[in-house]
Amino acid sequence: MKNPEIEHHFKTLCMKLSDHFGKEPDLQAILFLIGVDELNLIKTKFNKEEKQDLMHVGVCKVLSYSDYYELAGLDEEGWPHYNCLKPLSNMNLLEQEDLIKAHVVFHFQQINFLEADISL
């Protein structure tokens, strides 16, 4: 069962991003945006593998707030790499999605894009 508080804050974030970009993003698109921001490389086109890698970077970044991952460093091309500190394997898929959404909301709260009252 989805957490209604997390869903409310996530929907608010999606609407605010929709106002900013003109299209309402889903969780994958938001994780991609976070990954692009973490990559800190101005590039207009990414191939499919790079897009998947950027979503993974986004997941690692947001889950680093609760010590699931830590930044190991950047490779020679400037891509961030993370070490997994603890697994998510003891959660079902809905619980993992709620956890990621809560961390996404927290991330946008931390960068002052969203005023939300969510703590991790």
PDB file of N, CA and C in Angstrom:
ATOM      1  N   MET A   1       0.839  -1.187   0.000  1.00  0.00           N
ATOM      2  CA  MET A   1       0.000   0.000   0.000  1.00  0.00           C
ATOM      3  C   MET A   1       0.882   1.247   0.000  1.00  0.00           C
ATOM      4  N   LYS A   2       0.546   2.178  -0.847  1.00  0.00           N
ATOM      5  CA  LYS A   2       1.317   3.406  -0.956  1.00  0.00           C
ATOM      6  C   LYS A   2       1.049   4.322   0.231  1.00  0.00           C
ATOM      7  N   ASN A   3       2.081   5.037   0.631  1.00  0.00           N
ATOM      8  CA  ASN A   3       1.979   5.981   1.732  1.00  0.00           C
ATOM      9  C   ASN A   3       1.330   7.270   1.203  1.00  0.00           C
ATOM     10  N   PRO A   4       0.140   7.636   1.708  1.00  0.00           N
ATOM     11  CA  PRO A   4      -0.563   8.813   1.182  1.00  0.00           C
ATOM     12  C   PRO A   4       0.192  10.126   1.375  1.00  0.00           C
ATOM     13  N   GLU A   5       0.923  10.268   2.456  1.00  0.00           N
ATOM     14  CA  GLU A   5       1.681  11.504   2.696  1.00  0.00           C
ATOM     15  C   GLU A   5       2.791  11.652   1.655  1.00  0.00           C
ATOM     16  N   ILE A   6       3.511  10.569   1.408  1.00  0.00           N
ATOM     17  CA  ILE A   6       4.580  10.595   0.410  1.00  0.00           C
ATOM     18  C   ILE A   6       3.988  10.885  -0.964  1.00  0.00           C
ATOM     19  N   GLU A   7       2.875  10.234  -1.294  1.00  0.00           N
ATOM     20  CA  GLU A   7       2.232  10.450  -2.595  1.00  0.00           C
ATOM     21  C   GLU A   7       1.800  11.904  -2.770  1.00  0.00           C
ATOM     22  N   HIS A   8       1.280  12.503  -1.708  1.00  0.00           N
ATOM     23  CA  HIS A   8       0.857  13.906  -1.764  1.00  0.00           C
ATOM     24  C   HIS A   8       2.051  14.818  -2.079  1.00  0.00           C
ATOM     25  N   HIS A   9       3.140  14.644  -1.329  1.00  0.00           N
ATOM     26  CA  HIS A   9       4.327  15.477  -1.545  1.00  0.00           C
ATOM     27  C   HIS A   9       4.934  15.215  -2.923  1.00  0.00           C
ATOM     28  N   PHE A  10       4.936  13.957  -3.361  1.00  0.00           N
ATOM     29  CA  PHE A  10       5.499  13.636  -4.671  1.00  0.00           C
ATOM     30  C   PHE A  10       4.652  14.250  -5.780  1.00  0.00           C
ATOM     31  N   LYS A  11       3.340  14.196  -5.646  1.00  0.00           N
ATOM     32  CA  LYS A  11       2.446  14.788  -6.647  1.00  0.00           C
ATOM     33  C   LYS A  11       2.645  16.308  -6.696  1.00  0.00           C
ATOM     34  N   THR A  12       2.826  16.934  -5.550  1.00  0.00           N
ATOM     35  CA  THR A  12       3.103  18.372  -5.499  1.00  0.00           C
ATOM     36  C   THR A  12       4.397  18.685  -6.244  1.00  0.00           C
ATOM     37  N   LEU A  13       5.419  17.862  -6.034  1.00  0.00           N
ATOM     38  CA  LEU A  13       6.680  18.039  -6.747  1.00  0.00           C
ATOM     39  C   LEU A  13       6.472  17.891  -8.250  1.00  0.00           C
ATOM     40  N   CYS A  14       5.736  16.870  -8.663  1.00  0.00           N
ATOM     41  CA  CYS A  14       5.483  16.643 -10.093  1.00  0.00           C
ATOM     42  C   CYS A  14       4.769  17.836 -10.728  1.00  0.00           C
ATOM     43  N   MET A  15       3.802  18.396 -10.015  1.00  0.00           N
ATOM     44  CA  MET A  15       3.087  19.556 -10.546  1.00  0.00           C
ATOM     45  C   MET A  15       4.013  20.761 -10.665  1.00  0.00           C
ATOM     46  N   LYS A  16       4.884  20.968  -9.678  1.00  0.00           N
ATOM     47  CA  LYS A  16       5.812  22.095  -9.732  1.00  0.00           C
ATOM     48  C   LYS A  16       6.813  21.908 -10.875  1.00  0.00           C
ATOM     49  N   LEU A  17       7.291  20.689 -11.069  1.00  0.00           N
ATOM     50  CA  LEU A  17       8.191  20.422 -12.186  1.00  0.00           C
ATOM     51  C   LEU A  17       7.468  20.585 -13.516  1.00  0.00           C
ATOM     52  N   SER A  18       6.195  20.227 -13.543  1.00  0.00           N
ATOM     53  CA  SER A  18       5.382  20.399 -14.745  1.00  0.00           C
ATOM     54  C   SER A  18       5.272  21.880 -15.108  1.00  0.00           C
ATOM     55  N   ASP A  19       5.080  22.724 -14.114  1.00  0.00           N
ATOM     56  CA  ASP A  19       5.035  24.171 -14.349  1.00  0.00           C
ATOM     57  C   ASP A  19       6.364  24.673 -14.912  1.00  0.00           C
ATOM     58  N   HIS A  20       7.440  24.075 -14.443  1.00  0.00           N
ATOM     59  CA  HIS A  20       8.783  24.502 -14.853  1.00  0.00           C
ATOM     60  C   HIS A  20       9.161  23.997 -16.250  1.00  0.00           C
ATOM     61  N   PHE A  21       8.795  22.733 -16.553  1.00  0.00           N
ATOM     62  CA  PHE A  21       9.214  22.109 -17.814  1.00  0.00           C
ATOM     63  C   PHE A  21       8.101  21.995 -18.852  1.00  0.00           C
ATOM     64  N   GLY A  22       6.850  22.232 -18.450  1.00  0.00           N
ATOM     65  CA  GLY A  22       5.746  22.158 -19.392  1.00  0.00           C
ATOM     66  C   GLY A  22       5.171  20.767 -19.585  1.00  0.00           C
ATOM     67  N   LYS A  23       5.660  19.813 -18.845  1.00  0.00           N
ATOM     68  CA  LYS A  23       5.188  18.432 -18.948  1.00  0.00           C
ATOM     69  C   LYS A  23       5.378  17.766 -17.594  1.00  0.00           C
ATOM     70  N   GLU A  24       4.365  17.016 -17.148  1.00  0.00           N
ATOM     71  CA  GLU A  24       4.479  16.369 -15.838  1.00  0.00           C
ATOM     72  C   GLU A  24       5.365  15.134 -15.932  1.00  0.00           C
ATOM     73  N   PRO A  25       6.440  15.103 -15.155  1.00  0.00           N
ATOM     74  CA  PRO A  25       7.361  13.969 -15.206  1.00  0.00           C
ATOM     75  C   PRO A  25       6.891  12.818 -14.323  1.00  0.00           C
ATOM     76  N   ASP A  26       7.366  11.622 -14.646  1.00  0.00           N
ATOM     77  CA  ASP A  26       7.147  10.482 -13.757  1.00  0.00           C
ATOM     78  C   ASP A  26       8.415  10.291 -12.917  1.00  0.00           C
ATOM     79  N   LEU A  27       8.417   9.275 -12.080  1.00  0.00           N
ATOM     80  CA  LEU A  27       9.552   9.041 -11.186  1.00  0.00           C
ATOM     81  C   LEU A  27      10.842   8.833 -11.970  1.00  0.00           C
ATOM     82  N   GLN A  28      10.780   8.070 -13.057  1.00  0.00           N
ATOM     83  CA  GLN A  28      11.990   7.823 -13.847  1.00  0.00           C
ATOM     84  C   GLN A  28      12.558   9.113 -14.433  1.00  0.00           C
ATOM     85  N   ALA A  29      11.678   9.976 -14.924  1.00  0.00           N
ATOM     86  CA  ALA A  29      12.134  11.244 -15.496  1.00  0.00           C
ATOM     87  C   ALA A  29      12.780  12.117 -14.422  1.00  0.00           C
ATOM     88  N   ILE A  30      12.221  12.114 -13.233  1.00  0.00           N
ATOM     89  CA  ILE A  30      12.780  12.917 -12.145  1.00  0.00           C
ATOM     90  C   ILE A  30      14.143  12.371 -11.732  1.00  0.00           C
ATOM     91  N   LEU A  31      14.266  11.051 -11.648  1.00  0.00           N
ATOM     92  CA  LEU A  31      15.558  10.452 -11.314  1.00  0.00           C
ATOM     93  C   LEU A  31      16.591  10.770 -12.400  1.00  0.00           C
ATOM     94  N   PHE A  32      16.165  10.786 -13.656  1.00  0.00           N
ATOM     95  CA  PHE A  32      17.039  11.170 -14.761  1.00  0.00           C
ATOM     96  C   PHE A  32      17.521  12.608 -14.569  1.00  0.00           C
ATOM     97  N   LEU A  33      16.605  13.524 -14.229  1.00  0.00           N
ATOM     98  CA  LEU A  33      16.981  14.929 -13.998  1.00  0.00           C
ATOM     99  C   LEU A  33      18.005  15.066 -12.879  1.00  0.00           C
ATOM    100  N   ILE A  34      17.792  14.319 -11.815  1.00  0.00           N
ATOM    101  CA  ILE A  34      18.733  14.354 -10.689  1.00  0.00           C
ATOM    102  C   ILE A  34      20.089  13.824 -11.143  1.00  0.00           C
ATOM    103  N   GLY A  35      20.076  12.746 -11.925  1.00  0.00           N
ATOM    104  CA  GLY A  35      21.318  12.180 -12.437  1.00  0.00           C
ATOM    105  C   GLY A  35      22.058  13.160 -13.331  1.00  0.00           C
ATOM    106  N   VAL A  36      21.331  13.851 -14.203  1.00  0.00           N
ATOM    107  CA  VAL A  36      21.945  14.850 -15.079  1.00  0.00           C
ATOM    108  C   VAL A  36      22.571  15.963 -14.241  1.00  0.00           C
ATOM    109  N   ASP A  37      21.855  16.388 -13.213  1.00  0.00           N
ATOM    110  CA  ASP A  37      22.374  17.429 -12.337  1.00  0.00           C
ATOM    111  C   ASP A  37      23.647  16.958 -11.634  1.00  0.00           C
ATOM    112  N   GLU A  38      23.663  15.710 -11.195  1.00  0.00           N
ATOM    113  CA  GLU A  38      24.840  15.163 -10.530  1.00  0.00           C
ATOM    114  C   GLU A  38      26.012  15.017 -11.496  1.00  0.00           C
ATOM    115  N   LEU A  39      25.726  14.673 -12.751  1.00  0.00           N
ATOM    116  CA  LEU A  39      26.778  14.532 -13.757  1.00  0.00           C
ATOM    117  C   LEU A  39      27.434  15.877 -14.027  1.00  0.00           C
ATOM    118  N   ASN A  40      26.620  16.935 -13.971  1.00  0.00           N
ATOM    119  CA  ASN A  40      27.132  18.301 -14.135  1.00  0.00           C
ATOM    120  C   ASN A  40      27.877  18.470 -15.462  1.00  0.00           C
ATOM    121  N   LEU A  41      27.277  17.915 -16.510  1.00  0.00           N
ATOM    122  CA  LEU A  41      27.838  18.003 -17.847  1.00  0.00           C
ATOM    123  C   LEU A  41      26.757  18.531 -18.774  1.00  0.00           C
ATOM    124  N   ILE A  42      27.065  19.565 -19.504  1.00  0.00           N
ATOM    125  CA  ILE A  42      26.091  20.117 -20.432  1.00  0.00           C
ATOM    126  C   ILE A  42      26.116  19.275 -21.697  1.00  0.00           C
ATOM    127  N   LYS A  43      25.042  18.559 -21.909  1.00  0.00           N
ATOM    128  CA  LYS A  43      24.915  17.686 -23.069  1.00  0.00           C
ATOM    129  C   LYS A  43      23.429  17.608 -23.374  1.00  0.00           C
ATOM    130  N   THR A  44      23.058  17.683 -24.623  1.00  0.00           N
ATOM    131  CA  THR A  44      21.634  17.705 -24.961  1.00  0.00           C
ATOM    132  C   THR A  44      21.091  16.326 -25.326  1.00  0.00           C
ATOM    133  N   LYS A  45      21.938  15.418 -25.714  1.00  0.00           N
ATOM    134  CA  LYS A  45      21.491  14.083 -26.111  1.00  0.00           C
ATOM    135  C   LYS A  45      22.246  13.021 -25.331  1.00  0.00           C
ATOM    136  N   PHE A  46      21.495  12.053 -24.837  1.00  0.00           N
ATOM    137  CA  PHE A  46      22.074  10.891 -24.167  1.00  0.00           C
ATOM    138  C   PHE A  46      21.531   9.651 -24.851  1.00  0.00           C
ATOM    139  N   ASN A  47      22.370   8.633 -25.004  1.00  0.00           N
ATOM    140  CA  ASN A  47      21.873   7.390 -25.571  1.00  0.00           C
ATOM    141  C   ASN A  47      21.131   6.596 -24.496  1.00  0.00           C
ATOM    142  N   LYS A  48      20.519   5.508 -24.880  1.00  0.00           N
ATOM    143  CA  LYS A  48      19.680   4.734 -23.962  1.00  0.00           C
ATOM    144  C   LYS A  48      20.467   4.259 -22.735  1.00  0.00           C
ATOM    145  N   GLU A  49      21.671   3.778 -22.949  1.00  0.00           N
ATOM    146  CA  GLU A  49      22.484   3.298 -21.825  1.00  0.00           C
ATOM    147  C   GLU A  49      22.846   4.436 -20.879  1.00  0.00           C
ATOM    148  N   GLU A  50      23.184   5.591 -21.445  1.00  0.00           N
ATOM    149  CA  GLU A  50      23.504   6.747 -20.609  1.00  0.00           C
ATOM    150  C   GLU A  50      22.285   7.192 -19.803  1.00  0.00           C
ATOM    151  N   LYS A  51      21.105   7.157 -20.412  1.00  0.00           N
ATOM    152  CA  LYS A  51      19.880   7.523 -19.690  1.00  0.00           C
ATOM    153  C   LYS A  51      19.645   6.584 -18.515  1.00  0.00           C
ATOM    154  N   GLN A  52      19.848   5.281 -18.729  1.00  0.00           N
ATOM    155  CA  GLN A  52      19.698   4.317 -17.640  1.00  0.00           C
ATOM    156  C   GLN A  52      20.730   4.574 -16.553  1.00  0.00           C
ATOM    157  N   ASP A  53      21.962   4.862 -16.966  1.00  0.00           N
ATOM    158  CA  ASP A  53      23.015   5.163 -15.994  1.00  0.00           C
ATOM    159  C   ASP A  53      22.683   6.416 -15.194  1.00  0.00           C
ATOM    160  N   LEU A  54      22.126   7.429 -15.856  1.00  0.00           N
ATOM    161  CA  LEU A  54      21.765   8.665 -15.167  1.00  0.00           C
ATOM    162  C   LEU A  54      20.630   8.442 -14.170  1.00  0.00           C
ATOM    163  N   MET A  55      19.661   7.583 -14.510  1.00  0.00           N
ATOM    164  CA  MET A  55      18.603   7.258 -13.548  1.00  0.00           C
ATOM    165  C   MET A  55      19.204   6.546 -12.335  1.00  0.00           C
ATOM    166  N   HIS A  56      20.172   5.661 -12.586  1.00  0.00           N
ATOM    167  CA  HIS A  56      20.839   4.965 -11.482  1.00  0.00           C
ATOM    168  C   HIS A  56      21.599   5.958 -10.595  1.00  0.00           C
ATOM    169  N   VAL A  57      22.272   6.915 -11.226  1.00  0.00           N
ATOM    170  CA  VAL A  57      22.969   7.960 -10.463  1.00  0.00           C
ATOM    171  C   VAL A  57      21.958   8.732  -9.614  1.00  0.00           C
ATOM    172  N   GLY A  58      20.789   9.030 -10.196  1.00  0.00           N
ATOM    173  CA  GLY A  58      19.740   9.729  -9.451  1.00  0.00           C
ATOM    174  C   GLY A  58      19.275   8.937  -8.235  1.00  0.00           C
ATOM    175  N   VAL A  59      19.073   7.637  -8.419  1.00  0.00           N
ATOM    176  CA  VAL A  59      18.670   6.776  -7.294  1.00  0.00           C
ATOM    177  C   VAL A  59      19.745   6.784  -6.220  1.00  0.00           C
ATOM    178  N   CYS A  60      20.987   6.595  -6.639  1.00  0.00           N
ATOM    179  CA  CYS A  60      22.084   6.569  -5.667  1.00  0.00           C
ATOM    180  C   CYS A  60      22.186   7.894  -4.916  1.00  0.00           C
ATOM    181  N   LYS A  61      22.053   9.003  -5.647  1.00  0.00           N
ATOM    182  CA  LYS A  61      22.145  10.320  -5.008  1.00  0.00           C
ATOM    183  C   LYS A  61      21.074  10.490  -3.934  1.00  0.00           C
ATOM    184  N   VAL A  62      19.816  10.216  -4.290  1.00  0.00           N
ATOM    185  CA  VAL A  62      18.755  10.459  -3.309  1.00  0.00           C
ATOM    186  C   VAL A  62      18.842   9.485  -2.136  1.00  0.00           C
ATOM    187  N   LEU A  63      19.219   8.239  -2.407  1.00  0.00           N
ATOM    188  CA  LEU A  63      19.311   7.275  -1.305  1.00  0.00           C
ATOM    189  C   LEU A  63      20.572   7.471  -0.463  1.00  0.00           C
ATOM    190  N   SER A  64      21.487   8.299  -0.952  1.00  0.00           N
ATOM    191  CA  SER A  64      22.670   8.603  -0.140  1.00  0.00           C
ATOM    192  C   SER A  64      22.292   9.440   1.088  1.00  0.00           C
ATOM    193  N   TYR A  65      21.138  10.108   1.042  1.00  0.00           N
ATOM    194  CA  TYR A  65      20.688  10.882   2.205  1.00  0.00           C
ATOM    195  C   TYR A  65      20.424   9.998   3.419  1.00  0.00           C
ATOM    196  N   SER A  66      20.123   8.727   3.182  1.00  0.00           N
ATOM    197  CA  SER A  66      19.889   7.794   4.292  1.00  0.00           C
ATOM    198  C   SER A  66      20.948   6.702   4.349  1.00  0.00           C
ATOM    199  N   ASP A  67      22.090   6.998   3.789  1.00  0.00           N
ATOM    200  CA  ASP A  67      23.252   6.106   3.855  1.00  0.00           C
ATOM    201  C   ASP A  67      23.034   4.733   3.225  1.00  0.00           C
ATOM    202  N   TYR A  68      22.200   4.682   2.180  1.00  0.00           N
ATOM    203  CA  TYR A  68      22.115   3.457   1.387  1.00  0.00           C
ATOM    204  C   TYR A  68      23.288   3.417   0.403  1.00  0.00           C
ATOM    205  N   TYR A  69      23.717   4.580  -0.040  1.00  0.00           N
ATOM    206  CA  TYR A  69      24.845   4.713  -0.958  1.00  0.00           C
ATOM    207  C   TYR A  69      25.731   5.852  -0.477  1.00  0.00           C
ATOM    208  N   GLU A  70      26.993   5.796  -0.909  1.00  0.00           N
ATOM    209  CA  GLU A  70      27.899   6.917  -0.697  1.00  0.00           C
ATOM    210  C   GLU A  70      28.668   7.155  -1.985  1.00  0.00           C
ATOM    211  N   LEU A  71      28.959   8.411  -2.242  1.00  0.00           N
ATOM    212  CA  LEU A  71      29.707   8.768  -3.431  1.00  0.00           C
ATOM    213  C   LEU A  71      31.134   8.260  -3.295  1.00  0.00           C
ATOM    214  N   ALA A  72      31.551   7.428  -4.250  1.00  0.00           N
ATOM    215  CA  ALA A  72      32.905   6.889  -4.241  1.00  0.00           C
ATOM    216  C   ALA A  72      33.863   7.824  -4.958  1.00  0.00           C
ATOM    217  N   GLY A  73      33.324   8.579  -5.913  1.00  0.00           N
ATOM    218  CA  GLY A  73      34.151   9.510  -6.668  1.00  0.00           C
ATOM    219  C   GLY A  73      33.691   9.597  -8.105  1.00  0.00           C
ATOM    220  N   LEU A  74      34.450  10.308  -8.889  1.00  0.00           N
ATOM    221  CA  LEU A  74      34.139  10.502 -10.301  1.00  0.00           C
ATOM    222  C   LEU A  74      35.142   9.720 -11.141  1.00  0.00           C
ATOM    223  N   ASP A  75      34.662   9.195 -12.266  1.00  0.00           N
ATOM    224  CA  ASP A  75      35.590   8.514 -13.167  1.00  0.00           C
ATOM    225  C   ASP A  75      36.273   9.543 -14.070  1.00  0.00           C
ATOM    226  N   GLU A  76      37.106   9.071 -14.990  1.00  0.00           N
ATOM    227  CA  GLU A  76      37.882   9.972 -15.842  1.00  0.00           C
ATOM    228  C   GLU A  76      37.016  10.818 -16.767  1.00  0.00           C
ATOM    229  N   GLU A  77      35.763  10.403 -16.998  1.00  0.00           N
ATOM    230  CA  GLU A  77      34.841  11.175 -17.831  1.00  0.00           C
ATOM    231  C   GLU A  77      33.932  12.082 -17.003  1.00  0.00           C
ATOM    232  N   GLY A  78      34.106  12.064 -15.676  1.00  0.00           N
ATOM    233  CA  GLY A  78      33.320  12.922 -14.799  1.00  0.00           C
ATOM    234  C   GLY A  78      32.029  12.304 -14.291  1.00  0.00           C
ATOM    235  N   TRP A  79      31.814  11.013 -14.565  1.00  0.00           N
ATOM    236  CA  TRP A  79      30.599  10.345 -14.098  1.00  0.00           C
ATOM    237  C   TRP A  79      30.747   9.957 -12.630  1.00  0.00           C
ATOM    238  N   PRO A  80      29.744  10.269 -11.816  1.00  0.00           N
ATOM    239  CA  PRO A  80      29.789   9.874 -10.401  1.00  0.00           C
ATOM    240  C   PRO A  80      29.579   8.370 -10.240  1.00  0.00           C
ATOM    241  N   HIS A  81      30.299   7.797  -9.288  1.00  0.00           N
ATOM    242  CA  HIS A  81      30.135   6.385  -8.946  1.00  0.00           C
ATOM    243  C   HIS A  81      29.877   6.287  -7.451  1.00  0.00           C
ATOM    244  N   TYR A  82      28.980   5.388  -7.095  1.00  0.00           N
ATOM    245  CA  TYR A  82      28.553   5.226  -5.709  1.00  0.00           C
ATOM    246  C   TYR A  82      28.837   3.814  -5.215  1.00  0.00           C
ATOM    247  N   ASN A  83      29.089   3.709  -3.918  1.00  0.00           N
ATOM    248  CA  ASN A  83      29.206   2.414  -3.261  1.00  0.00           C
ATOM    249  C   ASN A  83      27.898   2.145  -2.528  1.00  0.00           C
ATOM    250  N   CYS A  84      27.407   0.915  -2.644  1.00  0.00           N
ATOM    251  CA  CYS A  84      26.208   0.506  -1.905  1.00  0.00           C
ATOM    252  C   CYS A  84      26.619   0.174  -0.471  1.00  0.00           C
ATOM    253  N   LEU A  85      25.969   0.803   0.492  1.00  0.00           N
ATOM    254  CA  LEU A  85      26.295   0.582   1.901  1.00  0.00           C
ATOM    255  C   LEU A  85      25.343  -0.391   2.580  1.00  0.00           C
ATOM    256  N   LYS A  86      24.088  -0.420   2.107  1.00  0.00           N
ATOM    257  CA  LYS A  86      23.117  -1.370   2.655  1.00  0.00           C
ATOM    258  C   LYS A  86      22.075  -1.657   1.575  1.00  0.00           C
ATOM    259  N   PRO A  87      21.628  -2.903   1.516  1.00  0.00           N
ATOM    260  CA  PRO A  87      20.701  -3.303   0.441  1.00  0.00           C
ATOM    261  C   PRO A  87      19.256  -2.900   0.727  1.00  0.00           C
ATOM    262  N   LEU A  88      18.486  -2.811  -0.349  1.00  0.00           N
ATOM    263  CA  LEU A  88      17.047  -2.558  -0.248  1.00  0.00           C
ATOM    264  C   LEU A  88      16.271  -3.879  -0.333  1.00  0.00           C
ATOM    265  N   SER A  89      16.970  -4.990  -0.330  1.00  0.00           N
ATOM    266  CA  SER A  89      16.358  -6.286  -0.616  1.00  0.00           C
ATOM    267  C   SER A  89      15.304  -6.732   0.396  1.00  0.00           C
ATOM    268  N   ASN A  90      15.267  -6.130   1.571  1.00  0.00           N
ATOM    269  CA  ASN A  90      14.268  -6.536   2.560  1.00  0.00           C
ATOM    270  C   ASN A  90      12.937  -5.806   2.379  1.00  0.00           C
ATOM    271  N   MET A  91      12.811  -5.031   1.288  1.00  0.00           N
ATOM    272  CA  MET A  91      11.574  -4.293   1.004  1.00  0.00           C
ATOM    273  C   MET A  91      10.952  -4.828  -0.280  1.00  0.00           C
ATOM    274  N   ASN A  92       9.607  -4.790  -0.316  1.00  0.00           N
ATOM    275  CA  ASN A  92       8.946  -5.139  -1.573  1.00  0.00           C
ATOM    276  C   ASN A  92       9.008  -3.935  -2.515  1.00  0.00           C
ATOM    277  N   LEU A  93       8.539  -4.111  -3.745  1.00  0.00           N
ATOM    278  CA  LEU A  93       8.666  -3.055  -4.750  1.00  0.00           C
ATOM    279  C   LEU A  93       7.921  -1.776  -4.379  1.00  0.00           C
ATOM    280  N   LEU A  94       6.728  -1.887  -3.789  1.00  0.00           N
ATOM    281  CA  LEU A  94       5.979  -0.687  -3.385  1.00  0.00           C
ATOM    282  C   LEU A  94       6.696   0.062  -2.265  1.00  0.00           C
ATOM    283  N   GLU A  95       7.268  -0.686  -1.341  1.00  0.00           N
ATOM    284  CA  GLU A  95       8.021  -0.041  -0.261  1.00  0.00           C
ATOM    285  C   GLU A  95       9.271   0.660  -0.818  1.00  0.00           C
ATOM    286  N   GLN A  96       9.938   0.020  -1.786  1.00  0.00           N
ATOM    287  CA  GLN A  96      11.103   0.643  -2.405  1.00  0.00           C
ATOM    288  C   GLN A  96      10.704   1.918  -3.146  1.00  0.00           C
ATOM    289  N   GLU A  97       9.576   1.862  -3.852  1.00  0.00           N
ATOM    290  CA  GLU A  97       9.105   3.043  -4.585  1.00  0.00           C
ATOM    291  C   GLU A  97       8.776   4.182  -3.631  1.00  0.00           C
ATOM    292  N   ASP A  98       8.088   3.875  -2.524  1.00  0.00           N
ATOM    293  CA  ASP A  98       7.786   4.900  -1.519  1.00  0.00           C
ATOM    294  C   ASP A  98       9.072   5.494  -0.944  1.00  0.00           C
ATOM    295  N   LEU A  99      10.047   4.643  -0.663  1.00  0.00           N
ATOM    296  CA  LEU A  99      11.320   5.103  -0.117  1.00  0.00           C
ATOM    297  C   LEU A  99      12.013   6.050  -1.099  1.00  0.00           C
ATOM    298  N   ILE A 100      12.050   5.667  -2.361  1.00  0.00           N
ATOM    299  CA  ILE A 100      12.698   6.505  -3.368  1.00  0.00           C
ATOM    300  C   ILE A 100      11.940   7.818  -3.538  1.00  0.00           C
ATOM    301  N   LYS A 101      10.603   7.755  -3.601  1.00  0.00           N
ATOM    302  CA  LYS A 101       9.816   8.989  -3.750  1.00  0.00           C
ATOM    303  C   LYS A 101      10.036   9.930  -2.570  1.00  0.00           C
ATOM    304  N   ALA A 102      10.061   9.389  -1.364  1.00  0.00           N
ATOM    305  CA  ALA A 102      10.298  10.228  -0.182  1.00  0.00           C
ATOM    306  C   ALA A 102      11.669  10.888  -0.272  1.00  0.00           C
ATOM    307  N   HIS A 103      12.657  10.154  -0.737  1.00  0.00           N
ATOM    308  CA  HIS A 103      14.001  10.707  -0.861  1.00  0.00           C
ATOM    309  C   HIS A 103      14.090  11.728  -1.999  1.00  0.00           C
ATOM    310  N   VAL A 104      13.333  11.515  -3.065  1.00  0.00           N
ATOM    311  CA  VAL A 104      13.282  12.491  -4.160  1.00  0.00           C
ATOM    312  C   VAL A 104      12.694  13.801  -3.640  1.00  0.00           C
ATOM    313  N   VAL A 105      11.591  13.717  -2.911  1.00  0.00           N
ATOM    314  CA  VAL A 105      10.975  14.915  -2.335  1.00  0.00           C
ATOM    315  C   VAL A 105      11.969  15.609  -1.403  1.00  0.00           C
ATOM    316  N   PHE A 106      12.633  14.819  -0.568  1.00  0.00           N
ATOM    317  CA  PHE A 106      13.626  15.373   0.354  1.00  0.00           C
ATOM    318  C   PHE A 106      14.745  16.078  -0.420  1.00  0.00           C
ATOM    319  N   HIS A 107      15.194  15.469  -1.520  1.00  0.00           N
ATOM    320  CA  HIS A 107      16.245  16.069  -2.345  1.00  0.00           C
ATOM    321  C   HIS A 107      15.828  17.452  -2.847  1.00  0.00           C
ATOM    322  N   PHE A 108      14.613  17.539  -3.389  1.00  0.00           N
ATOM    323  CA  PHE A 108      14.155  18.830  -3.914  1.00  0.00           C
ATOM    324  C   PHE A 108      13.889  19.825  -2.796  1.00  0.00           C
ATOM    325  N   GLN A 109      13.609  19.333  -1.616  1.00  0.00           N
ATOM    326  CA  GLN A 109      13.487  20.191  -0.442  1.00  0.00           C
ATOM    327  C   GLN A 109      14.881  20.726  -0.073  1.00  0.00           C
ATOM    328  N   GLN A 110      15.895  19.877  -0.134  1.00  0.00           N
ATOM    329  CA  GLN A 110      17.254  20.266   0.225  1.00  0.00           C
ATOM    330  C   GLN A 110      17.829  21.319  -0.719  1.00  0.00           C
ATOM    331  N   ILE A 111      17.442  21.260  -1.997  1.00  0.00           N
ATOM    332  CA  ILE A 111      17.977  22.237  -2.956  1.00  0.00           C
ATOM    333  C   ILE A 111      17.042  23.451  -3.091  1.00  0.00           C
ATOM    334  N   ASN A 112      16.104  23.552  -2.162  1.00  0.00           N
ATOM    335  CA  ASN A 112      15.179  24.689  -2.076  1.00  0.00           C
ATOM    336  C   ASN A 112      14.296  24.861  -3.302  1.00  0.00           C
ATOM    337  N   PHE A 113      13.957  23.757  -3.964  1.00  0.00           N
ATOM    338  CA  PHE A 113      13.021  23.807  -5.085  1.00  0.00           C
ATOM    339  C   PHE A 113      11.604  23.545  -4.603  1.00  0.00           C
ATOM    340  N   LEU A 114      11.481  22.870  -3.486  1.00  0.00           N
ATOM    341  CA  LEU A 114      10.179  22.452  -2.973  1.00  0.00           C
ATOM    342  C   LEU A 114      10.128  22.687  -1.481  1.00  0.00           C
ATOM    343  N   GLU A 115       9.037  23.292  -1.060  1.00  0.00           N
ATOM    344  CA  GLU A 115       8.816  23.431   0.375  1.00  0.00           C
ATOM    345  C   GLU A 115       7.900  22.284   0.799  1.00  0.00           C
ATOM    346  N   ALA A 116       8.488  21.318   1.423  1.00  0.00           N
ATOM    347  CA  ALA A 116       7.740  20.155   1.889  1.00  0.00           C
ATOM    348  C   ALA A 116       8.184  19.856   3.300  1.00  0.00           C
ATOM    349  N   ASP A 117       7.316  19.273   4.042  1.00  0.00           N
ATOM    350  CA  ASP A 117       7.643  18.916   5.421  1.00  0.00           C
ATOM    351  C   ASP A 117       7.805  17.403   5.480  1.00  0.00           C
ATOM    352  N   ILE A 118       8.905  16.932   4.938  1.00  0.00           N
ATOM    353  CA  ILE A 118       9.160  15.493   4.945  1.00  0.00           C
ATOM    354  C   ILE A 118      10.546  15.272   5.531  1.00  0.00           C
ATOM    355  N   SER A 119      10.635  14.354   6.422  1.00  0.00           N
ATOM    356  CA  SER A 119      11.939  14.009   7.003  1.00  0.00           C
ATOM    357  C   SER A 119      12.182  12.533   6.764  1.00  0.00           C
ATOM    358  N   LEU A 120      13.435  12.186   6.729  1.00  0.00           N
ATOM    359  CA  LEU A 120      13.816  10.798   6.431  1.00  0.00           C
ATOM    360  C   LEU A 120      14.179  10.036   7.680  1.00  0.00           C
TER     361      LEU A 120
END
